[in-house]
Amino acid sequence: MNSSEFDRRFDAGDTVLDALDLDAATRPRLQQKRVNVDFPLWMVEQLDREATRLGVTRQSIIKVWLAERLEHRTESSLGTATIH
């Protein structure tokens, strides 16, 4: 199927999943890469307390906080930061 047919079917609400090779699908820039970071004990203890309070894992809270910080930093550098 060409792209025009794909778009037409999609816009009409028809299924287009049969035209996709989902086994080969990738999510650019969302691949995982393992990194090791050493934290002082006090920081790990506080991370664990906060993670327990929120009902998430230590890894999850680190990822969310880093993503928020990096997103805020990007918005600030673009002059689009919102004030809460």
N, C-alpha and C. Protein backbone atom coordinates (compact mmCIF):
# COMPACT_ATOMS: atom_id res chain seq x y z
N MET A 1 0.86 -1.17 0.00
CA MET A 1 0.00 0.00 0.00
C MET A 1 0.90 1.23 0.00
N ASN A 2 0.57 2.21 -0.81
CA ASN A 2 1.36 3.45 -0.83
C ASN A 2 0.88 4.40 0.27
N SER A 3 1.61 5.48 0.47
CA SER A 3 1.31 6.39 1.58
C SER A 3 -0.04 7.09 1.41
N SER A 4 -0.43 7.39 0.17
CA SER A 4 -1.72 8.04 -0.06
C SER A 4 -2.87 7.12 0.34
N GLU A 5 -2.75 5.85 0.00
CA GLU A 5 -3.78 4.86 0.36
C GLU A 5 -3.81 4.67 1.88
N PHE A 6 -2.63 4.62 2.47
CA PHE A 6 -2.53 4.49 3.92
C PHE A 6 -3.24 5.66 4.60
N ASP A 7 -2.92 6.88 4.17
CA ASP A 7 -3.54 8.08 4.74
C ASP A 7 -5.05 8.08 4.54
N ARG A 8 -5.50 7.70 3.36
CA ARG A 8 -6.93 7.68 3.07
C ARG A 8 -7.64 6.70 4.00
N ARG A 9 -7.08 5.50 4.16
CA ARG A 9 -7.69 4.50 5.03
C ARG A 9 -7.69 4.96 6.49
N PHE A 10 -6.58 5.54 6.92
CA PHE A 10 -6.48 6.02 8.29
C PHE A 10 -7.50 7.12 8.55
N ASP A 11 -7.57 8.09 7.63
CA ASP A 11 -8.51 9.21 7.79
C ASP A 11 -9.96 8.75 7.76
N ALA A 12 -10.22 7.67 7.06
CA ALA A 12 -11.58 7.12 6.99
C ALA A 12 -11.92 6.29 8.23
N GLY A 13 -10.94 6.09 9.09
CA GLY A 13 -11.19 5.32 10.31
C GLY A 13 -11.01 3.83 10.11
N ASP A 14 -10.52 3.43 8.94
CA ASP A 14 -10.27 2.01 8.68
C ASP A 14 -9.00 1.58 9.41
N THR A 15 -8.89 0.29 9.66
CA THR A 15 -7.67 -0.20 10.30
C THR A 15 -6.51 -0.17 9.30
N VAL A 16 -5.37 0.21 9.79
CA VAL A 16 -4.17 0.23 8.96
C VAL A 16 -3.09 -0.67 9.55
N LEU A 17 -3.44 -1.38 10.62
CA LEU A 17 -2.46 -2.22 11.30
C LEU A 17 -1.91 -3.31 10.39
N ASP A 18 -2.74 -3.81 9.47
CA ASP A 18 -2.26 -4.86 8.58
C ASP A 18 -1.17 -4.37 7.64
N ALA A 19 -1.04 -3.06 7.48
CA ALA A 19 -0.02 -2.48 6.60
C ALA A 19 1.28 -2.18 7.35
N LEU A 20 1.29 -2.41 8.64
CA LEU A 20 2.47 -2.08 9.44
C LEU A 20 3.21 -3.33 9.87
N ASP A 21 4.52 -3.27 9.88
CA ASP A 21 5.35 -4.35 10.39
C ASP A 21 5.72 -3.98 11.83
N LEU A 22 4.85 -4.35 12.76
CA LEU A 22 5.03 -3.95 14.15
C LEU A 22 6.25 -4.60 14.80
N ASP A 23 6.69 -5.74 14.27
CA ASP A 23 7.89 -6.38 14.82
C ASP A 23 9.14 -5.56 14.54
N ALA A 24 9.11 -4.75 13.49
CA ALA A 24 10.27 -3.95 13.13
C ALA A 24 10.13 -2.50 13.61
N ALA A 25 9.03 -2.19 14.27
CA ALA A 25 8.78 -0.82 14.71
C ALA A 25 9.78 -0.42 15.80
N THR A 26 10.21 0.83 15.75
CA THR A 26 11.10 1.36 16.77
C THR A 26 10.55 2.69 17.27
N ARG A 27 11.03 3.10 18.41
CA ARG A 27 10.65 4.39 18.98
C ARG A 27 11.91 5.22 19.07
N PRO A 28 12.16 6.04 18.05
CA PRO A 28 13.41 6.80 18.01
C PRO A 28 13.64 7.60 19.29
N ARG A 29 14.87 7.56 19.74
CA ARG A 29 15.36 8.28 20.92
C ARG A 29 14.73 7.79 22.22
N LEU A 30 13.96 6.70 22.17
CA LEU A 30 13.38 6.16 23.40
C LEU A 30 13.99 4.80 23.75
N GLN A 31 15.04 4.41 23.02
CA GLN A 31 15.71 3.17 23.36
C GLN A 31 16.32 3.32 24.76
N GLN A 32 16.44 2.21 25.44
CA GLN A 32 17.00 2.24 26.78
C GLN A 32 18.52 2.09 26.73
N LYS A 33 19.20 2.77 27.62
CA LYS A 33 20.65 2.64 27.77
C LYS A 33 20.92 2.61 29.27
N ARG A 34 21.60 1.58 29.68
CA ARG A 34 21.90 1.42 31.11
C ARG A 34 23.08 2.32 31.48
N VAL A 35 22.92 3.02 32.60
CA VAL A 35 24.00 3.83 33.16
C VAL A 35 24.11 3.52 34.64
N ASN A 36 25.29 3.64 35.16
CA ASN A 36 25.52 3.43 36.59
C ASN A 36 25.87 4.76 37.21
N VAL A 37 25.21 5.07 38.31
CA VAL A 37 25.45 6.32 39.01
C VAL A 37 25.63 6.00 40.48
N ASP A 38 26.66 6.57 41.07
CA ASP A 38 26.89 6.39 42.50
C ASP A 38 26.30 7.58 43.25
N PHE A 39 25.47 7.28 44.26
CA PHE A 39 24.85 8.31 45.08
C PHE A 39 25.33 8.14 46.51
N PRO A 40 25.42 9.23 47.26
CA PRO A 40 25.71 9.10 48.68
C PRO A 40 24.55 8.39 49.38
N LEU A 41 24.85 7.70 50.46
CA LEU A 41 23.85 6.91 51.18
C LEU A 41 22.65 7.75 51.58
N TRP A 42 22.85 8.96 52.08
CA TRP A 42 21.74 9.80 52.52
C TRP A 42 20.76 10.05 51.37
N MET A 43 21.30 10.21 50.15
CA MET A 43 20.46 10.48 49.00
C MET A 43 19.64 9.24 48.63
N VAL A 44 20.26 8.07 48.68
CA VAL A 44 19.55 6.82 48.39
C VAL A 44 18.43 6.61 49.41
N GLU A 45 18.72 6.88 50.66
CA GLU A 45 17.70 6.71 51.71
C GLU A 45 16.52 7.65 51.47
N GLN A 46 16.80 8.90 51.10
CA GLN A 46 15.70 9.83 50.84
C GLN A 46 14.93 9.44 49.58
N LEU A 47 15.63 8.98 48.55
CA LEU A 47 14.96 8.51 47.34
C LEU A 47 14.04 7.33 47.68
N ASP A 48 14.54 6.41 48.48
CA ASP A 48 13.72 5.25 48.86
C ASP A 48 12.50 5.65 49.66
N ARG A 49 12.65 6.59 50.58
CA ARG A 49 11.50 7.05 51.37
C ARG A 49 10.45 7.68 50.45
N GLU A 50 10.90 8.53 49.55
CA GLU A 50 9.97 9.21 48.64
C GLU A 50 9.32 8.21 47.69
N ALA A 51 10.10 7.26 47.19
CA ALA A 51 9.56 6.25 46.29
C ALA A 51 8.50 5.41 47.01
N THR A 52 8.78 5.04 48.25
CA THR A 52 7.81 4.27 49.04
C THR A 52 6.55 5.08 49.27
N ARG A 53 6.72 6.35 49.60
CA ARG A 53 5.56 7.22 49.84
C ARG A 53 4.68 7.30 48.59
N LEU A 54 5.31 7.35 47.41
CA LEU A 54 4.55 7.46 46.17
C LEU A 54 4.13 6.10 45.60
N GLY A 55 4.67 5.02 46.17
CA GLY A 55 4.32 3.68 45.69
C GLY A 55 4.97 3.33 44.36
N VAL A 56 6.19 3.83 44.15
CA VAL A 56 6.92 3.53 42.92
C VAL A 56 8.31 3.03 43.28
N THR A 57 9.06 2.61 42.29
CA THR A 57 10.42 2.14 42.54
C THR A 57 11.39 3.31 42.57
N ARG A 58 12.55 3.06 43.15
CA ARG A 58 13.60 4.08 43.16
C ARG A 58 13.96 4.49 41.74
N GLN A 59 14.10 3.51 40.86
CA GLN A 59 14.44 3.81 39.46
C GLN A 59 13.39 4.70 38.82
N SER A 60 12.13 4.43 39.07
CA SER A 60 11.05 5.23 38.49
C SER A 60 11.11 6.68 38.94
N ILE A 61 11.33 6.87 40.23
CA ILE A 61 11.34 8.25 40.72
C ILE A 61 12.56 9.01 40.18
N ILE A 62 13.69 8.33 40.06
CA ILE A 62 14.87 8.97 39.48
C ILE A 62 14.59 9.37 38.04
N LYS A 63 14.00 8.47 37.26
CA LYS A 63 13.70 8.77 35.85
C LYS A 63 12.74 9.95 35.73
N VAL A 64 11.69 9.94 36.53
CA VAL A 64 10.69 11.01 36.45
C VAL A 64 11.31 12.34 36.84
N TRP A 65 12.05 12.37 37.94
CA TRP A 65 12.64 13.62 38.38
C TRP A 65 13.66 14.14 37.38
N LEU A 66 14.47 13.27 36.83
CA LEU A 66 15.44 13.71 35.82
C LEU A 66 14.74 14.23 34.57
N ALA A 67 13.70 13.52 34.13
CA ALA A 67 12.95 13.96 32.94
C ALA A 67 12.32 15.32 33.18
N GLU A 68 11.73 15.52 34.36
CA GLU A 68 11.12 16.82 34.68
C GLU A 68 12.17 17.92 34.65
N ARG A 69 13.31 17.65 35.24
CA ARG A 69 14.37 18.66 35.30
C ARG A 69 14.89 18.98 33.90
N LEU A 70 15.13 17.96 33.10
CA LEU A 70 15.64 18.18 31.74
C LEU A 70 14.60 18.89 30.87
N GLU A 71 13.34 18.53 31.04
CA GLU A 71 12.27 19.19 30.29
C GLU A 71 12.18 20.66 30.68
N HIS A 72 12.25 20.92 31.96
CA HIS A 72 12.20 22.30 32.45
C HIS A 72 13.39 23.10 31.91
N ARG A 73 14.54 22.46 31.93
CA ARG A 73 15.76 23.11 31.43
C ARG A 73 15.62 23.44 29.94
N THR A 74 15.06 22.51 29.17
CA THR A 74 14.87 22.74 27.74
C THR A 74 13.88 23.87 27.51
N GLU A 75 12.77 23.85 28.27
CA GLU A 75 11.78 24.93 28.13
C GLU A 75 12.37 26.28 28.50
N SER A 76 13.18 26.31 29.54
CA SER A 76 13.80 27.57 29.96
C SER A 76 14.74 28.10 28.91
N SER A 77 15.49 27.20 28.29
CA SER A 77 16.46 27.66 27.28
C SER A 77 15.75 28.13 26.03
N LEU A 78 14.53 27.65 25.81
CA LEU A 78 13.74 28.08 24.64
C LEU A 78 12.86 29.29 24.96
N GLY A 79 12.82 29.68 26.23
CA GLY A 79 12.00 30.80 26.64
C GLY A 79 10.53 30.47 26.69
N THR A 80 10.20 29.18 26.88
CA THR A 80 8.81 28.78 26.89
C THR A 80 8.39 28.19 28.23
N ALA A 81 9.17 28.41 29.26
CA ALA A 81 8.84 27.85 30.56
C ALA A 81 7.54 28.44 31.07
N THR A 82 6.75 27.60 31.70
CA THR A 82 5.50 28.06 32.28
C THR A 82 5.71 28.28 33.76
N ILE A 83 5.03 29.25 34.31
CA ILE A 83 5.11 29.54 35.73
C ILE A 83 3.92 28.88 36.41
N HIS A 84 4.20 28.10 37.44
CA HIS A 84 3.13 27.39 38.16
C HIS A 84 2.81 28.10 39.44
